[in-house]
Amino acid sequence: MRVTVPASAAVLSVLLAAPAGAQRPGTIELGGFVQLTRYDPSLILSDAIGVGGTLAVWVARGFAAEGSAAYSAPSASPTGSVKQIPLRLRLTYAVPVAPTSTLLLGTGYVHNAVRGTSTWEDGVTGLFGARFDLNPHVAVRVGAVGDYFPSPLNGGPGAQDNWNFALQAGFDLLIGRRGAGTPSRFPTALPTPTPAPPTGVRVAAPVPPEKDSDSDGVPDSLDRCLGTPLGDKVDAHGCSLPKDSDADGVIDAKDQCPDTRPGVKVDANGCPIDSDGDGVADTLDQCPNTAAGDLVDANGCSVTRDADGDGVLDSGDRCPRTPPGTKVDALGCPVLFSGPSRTLVLPGVTFQTGSATLTVASLGTLDQVAASLRAYPDVRVEIAGYTDDQGALAANRRLSQARADAVRAYLIRRGVPGTQLVARGFGSANPLDSNSTPTGRARNRRVELHRQS
């Protein structure tokens, strides 16, 4: 006589034997890290090492809401020392790649505050990282973070959006996590009573099902790849078979273009073949022999562009990011000296009160001056600093010289050869207006360019 188990009880036993997720909903993850930050070149800040921490709550299988804060203090810039505190909120997705290794992808919002001031900037942040479990509750975590700011603090004429990048490494503590195969503390169903066999009939003892921790159909006793991702097709040893999701003949592990359309010819990397290297696949390219470096449209045909709208095509524009409305020459660079004039007062170039430290608002104007001087290496200019008549003559002369030197140093950092520039302070000489009114004194505190050749 055979004793059978009801189908519902069999299904329940399989569900109870299934492994708990690597990131169970409700798990809390606390972490600390050190980070190396590389700032956008336009900020003129050196790389900085800082510290920070993270707090994540896993809200669904593989998904976490995560917040982090960091602190770093890059060395002095033309605008003085800064202390950066980026606060990040993001949604993170975990992709298991091995029994104890997880790939982390995240995106969200970043709020970058400057300590000691009331200034900040908002942007978008992205994460690409990995976590390596040392045990069910402690892990090592590494990652790369990119922060994009469309309206950065160093705004002003000619300013562009900023990218800051950081590398992070540290340890995480996982609270409330249960690894694969860990039994629940409480039974989920009452056991089904086994009917007593009739008198005189011997019944064979039931054989318990073999454990299959990763639910891939291969018992643990035969499984050489425990922890296979749920849903993967496996071989007889329980190891994932190579996948080719887009059926282009290149397995996903080597496919750099995993969503190729059916029928498109691909190269060894799984990407559509692009014979002329213009970014448009041959199957869509109506101009398959475009010259190298040409900008093309969606059909792969060359187009002419004037990105900054100054009337000079990008192919011949030596100053391709001129602010709208700026008067430019044939090379697309701002006109510094027009007509017979050999003197130019630099608008908006100001300094902190009583010092030679440039204000942030000055940098946009100086960037345009640098672009024009780089385009004309034969032009030599004198940077002339002036003050109003308040204070002693000697002190004003020293201050004006220091300010002229600061402008020269900034232009050199922006790529202008030092041989093109000479700095000289004139103190309160040559006033443009009366020094008897605040407006007049403000006009007299200025920086001029004097063309020498």
Protein backbone atom coordinates (compact mmCIF):
# COMPACT_ATOMS: atom_id res chain seq x y z
CA MET A 1 0.00 0.00 0.00
CA ARG A 2 1.34 3.54 -0.95
CA VAL A 3 0.65 6.63 1.16
CA THR A 4 0.56 9.91 -0.87
CA VAL A 5 1.01 13.51 0.27
CA PRO A 6 -1.59 16.05 -0.89
CA ALA A 7 -0.39 18.31 -3.72
CA SER A 8 -0.94 21.44 -1.62
CA ALA A 9 1.39 20.15 1.11
CA ALA A 10 4.09 19.40 -1.49
CA VAL A 11 3.91 22.92 -2.93
CA LEU A 12 4.09 24.39 0.58
CA SER A 13 7.19 22.37 1.42
CA VAL A 14 8.96 23.64 -1.71
CA LEU A 15 8.12 27.27 -0.84
CA LEU A 16 9.41 26.83 2.71
CA ALA A 17 12.65 25.38 1.39
CA ALA A 18 13.26 28.30 -1.04
CA PRO A 19 16.16 30.60 -0.04
CA ALA A 20 15.65 33.99 1.52
CA GLY A 21 16.63 36.88 -0.72
CA ALA A 22 20.12 38.29 -0.47
CA GLN A 23 18.55 41.65 0.32
CA ARG A 24 15.33 40.89 2.18
CA PRO A 25 12.73 43.68 2.46
CA GLY A 26 13.16 45.37 5.81
CA THR A 27 16.92 44.81 6.00
CA ILE A 28 18.80 47.90 7.23
CA GLU A 29 22.31 48.56 5.94
CA LEU A 30 24.69 50.94 7.76
CA GLY A 31 28.05 51.85 6.28
CA GLY A 32 31.10 54.05 6.62
CA PHE A 33 33.59 54.90 3.89
CA VAL A 34 36.51 57.01 2.79
CA GLN A 35 36.38 58.73 -0.56
CA LEU A 36 38.68 60.43 -3.04
CA THR A 37 36.94 63.27 -4.92
CA ARG A 38 38.05 64.73 -8.25
CA TYR A 39 36.35 68.07 -8.87
CA ASP A 40 35.31 69.56 -12.19
CA PRO A 41 38.31 71.39 -13.77
CA SER A 42 36.33 74.64 -13.89
CA LEU A 43 36.25 74.75 -10.07
CA ILE A 44 40.08 74.92 -9.86
CA LEU A 45 40.05 72.66 -6.78
CA SER A 46 42.58 69.94 -6.03
CA ASP A 47 41.59 66.32 -5.43
CA ALA A 48 40.46 65.73 -1.85
CA ILE A 49 40.17 62.75 0.49
CA GLY A 50 37.11 62.72 2.77
CA VAL A 51 34.89 60.48 4.88
CA GLY A 52 31.20 59.66 4.93
CA GLY A 53 28.44 57.25 5.85
CA THR A 54 25.39 55.56 4.33
CA LEU A 55 22.00 54.36 5.57
CA ALA A 56 19.93 52.08 3.34
CA VAL A 57 16.58 50.33 3.83
CA TRP A 58 15.81 47.45 1.46
CA VAL A 59 12.18 48.10 0.52
CA ALA A 60 11.75 45.26 -1.99
CA ARG A 61 13.75 42.33 -3.27
CA GLY A 62 16.85 43.88 -4.84
CA PHE A 63 15.78 47.52 -4.27
CA ALA A 64 16.86 49.92 -1.53
CA ALA A 65 16.21 53.55 -0.61
CA GLU A 66 19.61 54.90 0.34
CA GLY A 67 20.95 58.13 1.82
CA SER A 68 24.57 59.17 2.28
CA ALA A 69 26.60 62.13 3.52
CA ALA A 70 30.28 62.91 3.02
CA TYR A 71 32.76 65.61 4.01
CA SER A 72 35.90 66.81 2.25
CA ALA A 73 38.02 69.98 2.29
CA PRO A 74 39.88 70.63 -0.98
CA SER A 75 42.85 72.99 -0.86
CA ALA A 76 42.57 76.73 -1.50
CA SER A 77 41.33 78.04 -4.87
CA PRO A 78 41.24 81.62 -6.20
CA THR A 79 38.07 82.06 -4.14
CA GLY A 80 39.55 80.74 -0.87
CA SER A 81 39.25 77.44 1.00
CA VAL A 82 36.02 75.42 0.77
CA LYS A 83 34.51 72.55 2.74
CA GLN A 84 32.18 70.37 0.67
CA ILE A 85 29.30 68.35 2.19
CA PRO A 86 27.44 66.36 -0.51
CA LEU A 87 24.12 64.84 0.68
CA ARG A 88 22.80 62.11 -1.62
CA LEU A 89 19.41 60.35 -1.81
CA ARG A 90 19.09 57.55 -4.35
CA LEU A 91 17.32 54.33 -5.31
CA THR A 92 19.79 51.45 -5.48
CA TYR A 93 19.33 48.17 -7.38
CA ALA A 94 21.35 45.08 -6.39
CA VAL A 95 22.33 42.46 -9.01
CA PRO A 96 23.82 39.23 -7.52
CA VAL A 97 26.80 38.09 -9.60
CA ALA A 98 28.15 35.39 -7.24
CA PRO A 99 27.09 33.78 -3.92
CA THR A 100 28.88 36.53 -1.92
CA SER A 101 29.21 39.32 -4.50
CA THR A 102 26.62 41.89 -5.55
CA LEU A 103 26.70 44.60 -8.24
CA LEU A 104 25.13 47.91 -7.11
CA LEU A 105 23.54 50.45 -9.48
CA GLY A 106 21.93 53.62 -8.20
CA THR A 107 20.63 57.03 -9.22
CA GLY A 108 19.02 59.94 -7.42
CA TYR A 109 19.42 63.50 -6.08
CA VAL A 110 22.47 65.28 -4.65
CA HIS A 111 22.49 68.46 -2.52
CA ASN A 112 26.01 69.91 -2.22
CA ALA A 113 26.42 72.35 0.69
CA VAL A 114 29.42 74.58 1.37
CA ARG A 115 30.16 74.66 5.10
CA GLY A 116 30.40 78.07 6.73
CA THR A 117 28.28 79.78 4.07
CA SER A 118 24.65 79.71 2.97
CA THR A 119 25.44 78.51 -0.55
CA TRP A 120 24.57 75.19 -2.09
CA GLU A 121 23.96 73.50 -5.44
CA ASP A 122 21.53 70.75 -6.48
CA GLY A 123 22.05 68.04 -9.06
CA VAL A 124 21.78 64.40 -10.07
CA THR A 125 23.95 61.58 -8.71
CA GLY A 126 24.76 58.10 -9.98
CA LEU A 127 26.39 55.05 -8.36
CA PHE A 128 28.24 52.07 -9.81
CA GLY A 129 29.67 49.76 -7.19
CA ALA A 130 29.96 46.31 -5.68
CA ARG A 131 29.53 44.67 -2.28
CA PHE A 132 31.47 41.62 -1.10
CA ASP A 133 29.98 39.73 1.86
CA LEU A 134 32.43 38.65 4.57
CA ASN A 135 29.56 36.97 6.48
CA PRO A 136 25.74 37.40 6.53
CA HIS A 137 26.04 40.67 8.48
CA VAL A 138 29.35 42.34 7.46
CA ALA A 139 30.43 43.32 3.95
CA VAL A 140 33.08 45.32 2.11
CA ARG A 141 31.70 47.90 -0.28
CA VAL A 142 33.41 49.85 -3.08
CA GLY A 143 31.95 52.19 -5.64
CA ALA A 144 32.28 55.09 -8.04
CA VAL A 145 29.94 58.09 -7.66
CA GLY A 146 29.31 60.82 -10.22
CA ASP A 147 27.53 64.10 -9.32
CA TYR A 148 26.19 66.34 -12.11
CA PHE A 149 25.29 69.99 -11.41
CA PRO A 150 23.53 71.87 -14.26
CA SER A 151 23.72 75.18 -12.33
CA PRO A 152 27.01 75.10 -10.35
CA LEU A 153 28.25 77.53 -7.70
CA ASN A 154 30.87 79.00 -10.02
CA GLY A 155 28.09 80.36 -12.22
CA GLY A 156 28.46 83.47 -14.28
CA PRO A 157 29.18 84.44 -17.88
CA GLY A 158 30.59 81.45 -19.74
CA ALA A 159 30.15 78.99 -16.83
CA GLN A 160 29.26 75.43 -17.79
CA ASP A 161 27.64 72.56 -15.96
CA ASN A 162 29.94 70.64 -13.58
CA TRP A 163 30.79 66.96 -13.01
CA ASN A 164 32.38 65.81 -9.74
CA PHE A 165 33.57 62.18 -9.40
CA ALA A 166 34.39 60.21 -6.25
CA LEU A 167 35.79 56.75 -5.47
CA GLN A 168 34.53 55.21 -2.22
CA ALA A 169 35.56 52.20 -0.13
CA GLY A 170 34.38 51.03 3.28
CA PHE A 171 32.50 48.50 5.41
CA ASP A 172 28.73 47.87 5.73
CA LEU A 173 26.73 46.31 8.57
CA LEU A 174 23.48 44.52 7.59
CA ILE A 175 20.81 44.33 10.30
CA GLY A 176 17.83 41.95 10.10
CA ARG A 177 19.28 39.98 7.19
CA ARG A 178 18.85 36.20 6.82
CA GLY A 179 20.97 34.29 4.35
CA ALA A 180 19.81 31.62 1.91
CA GLY A 181 18.37 28.55 3.53
CA THR A 182 18.02 30.09 7.04
CA PRO A 183 14.78 28.76 8.54
CA SER A 184 12.07 31.10 9.76
CA ARG A 185 11.67 31.44 13.53
CA PHE A 186 7.95 30.71 13.31
CA PRO A 187 6.12 27.94 11.43
CA THR A 188 4.07 29.18 8.47
CA ALA A 189 1.62 26.27 8.47
CA LEU A 190 0.54 23.44 10.69
CA PRO A 191 1.95 20.04 9.71
CA THR A 192 -0.44 17.77 7.82
CA PRO A 193 -1.22 14.67 9.94
CA THR A 194 -0.24 11.39 8.36
CA PRO A 195 -3.11 8.83 8.40
CA ALA A 196 -2.35 5.68 10.38
CA PRO A 197 -1.76 2.66 8.16
CA PRO A 198 -4.19 -0.32 8.41
CA THR A 199 -3.29 -3.01 10.89
CA GLY A 200 -0.74 -5.47 9.56
CA VAL A 201 0.43 -3.23 6.66
CA ARG A 202 4.02 -2.00 6.64
CA VAL A 203 4.58 1.48 5.17
CA ALA A 204 7.98 2.65 3.92
CA ALA A 205 9.36 5.70 5.73
CA PRO A 206 8.96 8.88 3.66
CA VAL A 207 12.13 10.08 1.94
CA PRO A 208 12.72 13.80 2.64
CA PRO A 209 13.35 15.89 -0.47
CA GLU A 210 16.98 16.86 -1.10
CA LYS A 211 17.85 20.47 -0.29
CA ASP A 212 18.07 22.87 -3.24
CA SER A 213 19.08 26.23 -1.72
CA ASP A 214 19.06 28.27 -4.96
CA SER A 215 15.94 26.61 -6.46
CA ASP A 216 17.66 25.82 -9.76
CA GLY A 217 16.47 22.18 -9.87
CA VAL A 218 19.86 20.71 -8.92
CA PRO A 219 20.20 19.37 -5.34
CA ASP A 220 22.88 20.98 -3.20
CA SER A 221 24.75 17.69 -3.04
CA LEU A 222 25.36 17.90 -6.82
CA ASP A 223 25.32 21.69 -7.23
CA ARG A 224 28.76 23.16 -8.00
CA CYS A 225 27.40 26.72 -8.22
CA LEU A 226 25.35 27.41 -5.10
CA GLY A 227 23.66 30.79 -5.20
CA THR A 228 22.69 30.78 -8.90
CA PRO A 229 20.45 33.84 -9.63
CA LEU A 230 16.77 32.95 -9.60
CA GLY A 231 15.47 32.13 -13.09
CA ASP A 232 18.83 31.31 -14.70
CA LYS A 233 19.00 28.23 -16.88
CA VAL A 234 21.62 25.85 -15.51
CA ASP A 235 23.57 22.79 -16.63
CA ALA A 236 23.68 19.41 -14.87
CA HIS A 237 26.11 20.84 -12.31
CA GLY A 238 23.80 23.71 -11.34
CA CYS A 239 25.91 26.41 -13.07
CA SER A 240 24.34 29.16 -15.17
CA LEU A 241 24.42 28.60 -18.92
CA PRO A 242 25.75 31.49 -21.05
CA LYS A 243 22.90 33.77 -22.05
CA ASP A 244 22.39 35.67 -25.31
CA SER A 245 19.34 37.80 -24.60
CA ASP A 246 19.24 39.54 -27.99
CA ALA A 247 20.15 36.40 -30.00
CA ASP A 248 22.93 38.16 -31.92
CA GLY A 249 25.47 35.35 -31.45
CA VAL A 250 27.42 37.10 -28.65
CA ILE A 251 26.76 35.92 -25.09
CA ASP A 252 25.58 38.54 -22.60
CA ALA A 253 28.82 38.36 -20.57
CA LYS A 254 30.74 39.75 -23.59
CA ASP A 255 27.91 41.72 -25.24
CA GLN A 256 28.55 45.48 -24.97
CA CYS A 257 25.28 46.19 -26.83
CA PRO A 258 22.80 43.74 -25.22
CA ASP A 259 19.65 45.11 -26.91
CA THR A 260 20.59 44.72 -30.59
CA ARG A 261 17.55 44.44 -32.87
CA PRO A 262 16.92 41.07 -34.58
CA GLY A 263 18.75 40.63 -37.89
CA VAL A 264 21.35 43.38 -37.33
CA LYS A 265 24.94 42.31 -38.07
CA VAL A 266 27.22 42.78 -35.06
CA ASP A 267 30.96 42.75 -34.31
CA ALA A 268 32.80 40.62 -31.74
CA ASN A 269 31.50 42.89 -28.95
CA GLY A 270 27.87 42.40 -29.96
CA CYS A 271 27.48 45.97 -31.27
CA PRO A 272 26.08 46.90 -34.70
CA ILE A 273 28.83 47.24 -37.29
CA ASP A 274 29.68 50.91 -38.01
CA SER A 275 32.20 50.90 -40.87
CA ASP A 276 32.91 54.67 -40.94
CA GLY A 277 32.87 55.09 -37.13
CA ASP A 278 30.32 57.90 -37.11
CA GLY A 279 28.08 56.35 -34.46
CA VAL A 280 25.37 55.24 -36.90
CA ALA A 281 25.20 51.50 -37.65
CA ASP A 282 25.63 50.43 -41.27
CA THR A 283 22.04 49.16 -41.38
CA LEU A 284 20.79 52.74 -40.79
CA ASP A 285 23.66 54.75 -42.35
CA GLN A 286 22.61 56.51 -45.56
CA CYS A 287 26.11 58.01 -45.91
CA PRO A 288 28.38 55.02 -45.08
CA ASN A 289 31.66 56.77 -46.04
CA THR A 290 31.53 59.86 -43.79
CA ALA A 291 34.96 61.42 -43.17
CA ALA A 292 36.49 60.70 -39.77
CA GLY A 293 35.55 63.34 -37.16
CA ASP A 294 32.55 64.74 -39.05
CA LEU A 295 29.38 65.44 -37.07
CA VAL A 296 26.48 63.47 -38.51
CA ASP A 297 22.68 63.42 -38.27
CA ALA A 298 20.48 60.43 -37.46
CA ASN A 299 20.98 59.12 -40.99
CA GLY A 300 24.79 59.16 -40.68
CA CYS A 301 25.27 62.14 -43.02
CA SER A 302 27.57 65.09 -42.25
CA VAL A 303 26.06 68.25 -40.76
CA THR A 304 27.45 71.69 -40.02
CA ARG A 305 27.01 73.05 -36.52
CA ASP A 306 27.45 76.26 -34.60
CA ALA A 307 26.88 75.10 -31.02
CA ASP A 308 27.32 78.49 -29.33
CA GLY A 309 25.39 80.45 -32.00
CA ASP A 310 28.12 83.03 -32.57
CA GLY A 311 28.07 82.73 -36.37
CA VAL A 312 31.30 80.71 -36.60
CA LEU A 313 30.93 76.98 -37.42
CA ASP A 314 32.28 74.59 -34.81
CA SER A 315 34.84 73.23 -37.28
CA GLY A 316 36.66 76.60 -37.24
CA ASP A 317 35.63 77.95 -33.81
CA ARG A 318 38.65 78.31 -31.48
CA CYS A 319 36.39 79.50 -28.64
CA PRO A 320 33.41 77.11 -28.92
CA ARG A 321 31.61 78.12 -25.71
CA THR A 322 31.22 81.88 -26.15
CA PRO A 323 28.25 83.23 -24.09
CA PRO A 324 25.21 84.32 -26.16
CA GLY A 325 25.41 87.90 -27.42
CA THR A 326 29.21 88.17 -27.17
CA LYS A 327 30.86 89.97 -30.09
CA VAL A 328 33.35 87.57 -31.71
CA ASP A 329 35.99 87.70 -34.43
CA ALA A 330 36.49 85.37 -37.41
CA LEU A 331 37.89 82.66 -35.11
CA GLY A 332 34.82 82.73 -32.87
CA CYS A 333 36.67 84.34 -29.94
CA PRO A 334 35.57 87.43 -27.96
CA VAL A 335 36.86 90.71 -29.39
CA LEU A 336 39.11 92.27 -26.73
CA PHE A 337 40.29 95.38 -28.58
CA SER A 338 38.05 96.97 -31.22
CA GLY A 339 39.14 99.66 -33.67
CA PRO A 340 42.15 101.76 -32.67
CA SER A 341 41.52 101.23 -28.93
CA ARG A 342 44.35 99.49 -27.07
CA THR A 343 42.69 99.55 -23.62
CA LEU A 344 39.94 97.31 -22.27
CA VAL A 345 38.32 97.64 -18.83
CA LEU A 346 37.42 94.11 -17.67
CA PRO A 347 33.73 94.25 -16.59
CA GLY A 348 32.74 92.28 -13.53
CA VAL A 349 36.29 91.50 -12.36
CA THR A 350 36.17 92.24 -8.62
CA PHE A 351 37.96 91.20 -5.44
CA GLN A 352 37.09 90.54 -1.85
CA THR A 353 37.22 93.75 0.19
CA GLY A 354 40.77 94.89 0.97
CA SER A 355 42.38 91.76 -0.59
CA ALA A 356 43.63 90.32 -3.88
CA THR A 357 41.29 87.30 -3.79
CA LEU A 358 39.11 87.12 -6.92
CA THR A 359 35.36 86.78 -6.43
CA VAL A 360 33.48 83.89 -8.08
CA ALA A 361 31.64 86.38 -10.31
CA SER A 362 34.98 87.39 -11.89
CA LEU A 363 35.87 83.97 -13.27
CA GLY A 364 33.44 83.93 -16.23
CA THR A 365 34.91 87.16 -17.70
CA LEU A 366 38.48 85.96 -17.15
CA ASP A 367 37.71 82.60 -18.82
CA GLN A 368 36.63 84.45 -21.99
CA VAL A 369 39.76 86.63 -21.89
CA ALA A 370 41.90 83.49 -21.58
CA ALA A 371 40.16 81.84 -24.55
CA SER A 372 40.80 84.88 -26.75
CA LEU A 373 44.47 85.22 -25.72
CA ARG A 374 45.05 81.48 -26.38
CA ALA A 375 43.65 81.95 -29.89
CA TYR A 376 46.09 84.85 -30.54
CA PRO A 377 49.48 83.82 -29.08
CA ASP A 378 51.21 86.83 -30.70
CA VAL A 379 49.18 89.37 -28.69
CA ARG A 380 50.99 90.78 -25.62
CA VAL A 381 49.01 92.58 -22.92
CA GLU A 382 49.68 94.49 -19.71
CA ILE A 383 47.31 93.71 -16.83
CA ALA A 384 46.82 97.03 -15.01
CA GLY A 385 45.37 97.19 -11.48
CA TYR A 386 43.81 100.38 -10.05
CA THR A 387 42.29 101.47 -6.70
CA ASP A 388 40.36 104.51 -5.49
CA ASP A 389 42.13 107.24 -3.48
CA GLN A 390 41.04 105.96 -0.06
CA GLY A 391 44.06 105.06 2.09
CA ALA A 392 47.79 105.64 1.78
CA LEU A 393 49.42 105.87 -1.68
CA ALA A 394 51.95 103.13 -0.94
CA ALA A 395 49.28 100.74 0.38
CA ASN A 396 47.09 101.37 -2.68
CA ARG A 397 50.05 100.74 -4.98
CA ARG A 398 50.81 97.41 -3.26
CA LEU A 399 47.14 96.33 -3.35
CA SER A 400 46.75 97.19 -7.05
CA GLN A 401 49.93 95.24 -7.87
CA ALA A 402 48.71 92.20 -5.91
CA ARG A 403 45.36 92.28 -7.75
CA ALA A 404 47.04 92.54 -11.16
CA ASP A 405 49.28 89.58 -10.19
CA ALA A 406 46.20 87.54 -9.16
CA VAL A 407 44.55 88.10 -12.56
CA ARG A 408 47.79 87.15 -14.36
CA ALA A 409 48.12 83.94 -12.30
CA TYR A 410 44.52 82.94 -13.08
CA LEU A 411 44.97 83.49 -16.84
CA ILE A 412 48.13 81.36 -16.78
CA ARG A 413 46.21 78.57 -15.03
CA ARG A 414 43.65 78.77 -17.84
CA GLY A 415 46.36 78.04 -20.43
CA VAL A 416 47.67 81.49 -21.43
CA PRO A 417 51.49 81.48 -21.75
CA GLY A 418 53.14 83.71 -19.16
CA THR A 419 55.19 85.39 -21.90
CA GLN A 420 52.00 87.06 -23.18
CA LEU A 421 51.26 88.73 -19.85
CA VAL A 422 52.80 91.38 -17.62
CA ALA A 423 51.14 92.71 -14.43
CA ARG A 424 51.49 96.24 -13.06
CA GLY A 425 49.78 98.12 -10.22
CA PHE A 426 49.02 101.83 -10.65
CA GLY A 427 47.35 102.51 -7.29
CA SER A 428 44.88 105.40 -7.46
CA ALA A 429 46.40 106.95 -10.62
CA ASN A 430 44.35 107.64 -13.78
CA PRO A 431 40.85 107.70 -12.20
CA LEU A 432 37.89 107.23 -14.52
CA ASP A 433 35.51 109.15 -12.26
CA SER A 434 35.45 111.38 -9.20
CA ASN A 435 36.61 109.79 -5.95
CA SER A 436 34.19 111.97 -3.98
CA THR A 437 31.19 109.62 -4.47
CA PRO A 438 30.75 105.86 -3.82
CA THR A 439 29.78 105.34 -7.48
CA GLY A 440 32.87 107.11 -8.72
CA ARG A 441 35.19 105.21 -6.38
CA ALA A 442 33.63 101.90 -7.50
CA ARG A 443 34.44 102.77 -11.16
CA ASN A 444 38.01 103.66 -10.24
CA ARG A 445 38.60 100.25 -8.57
CA ARG A 446 39.18 98.24 -11.76
CA VAL A 447 41.43 95.97 -13.83
CA GLU A 448 42.35 96.94 -17.38
CA LEU A 449 44.11 95.22 -20.28
CA HIS A 450 46.62 97.36 -22.22
CA ARG A 451 47.61 95.88 -25.56
CA GLN A 452 51.40 95.98 -26.04
CA SER A 453 51.70 94.26 -29.44
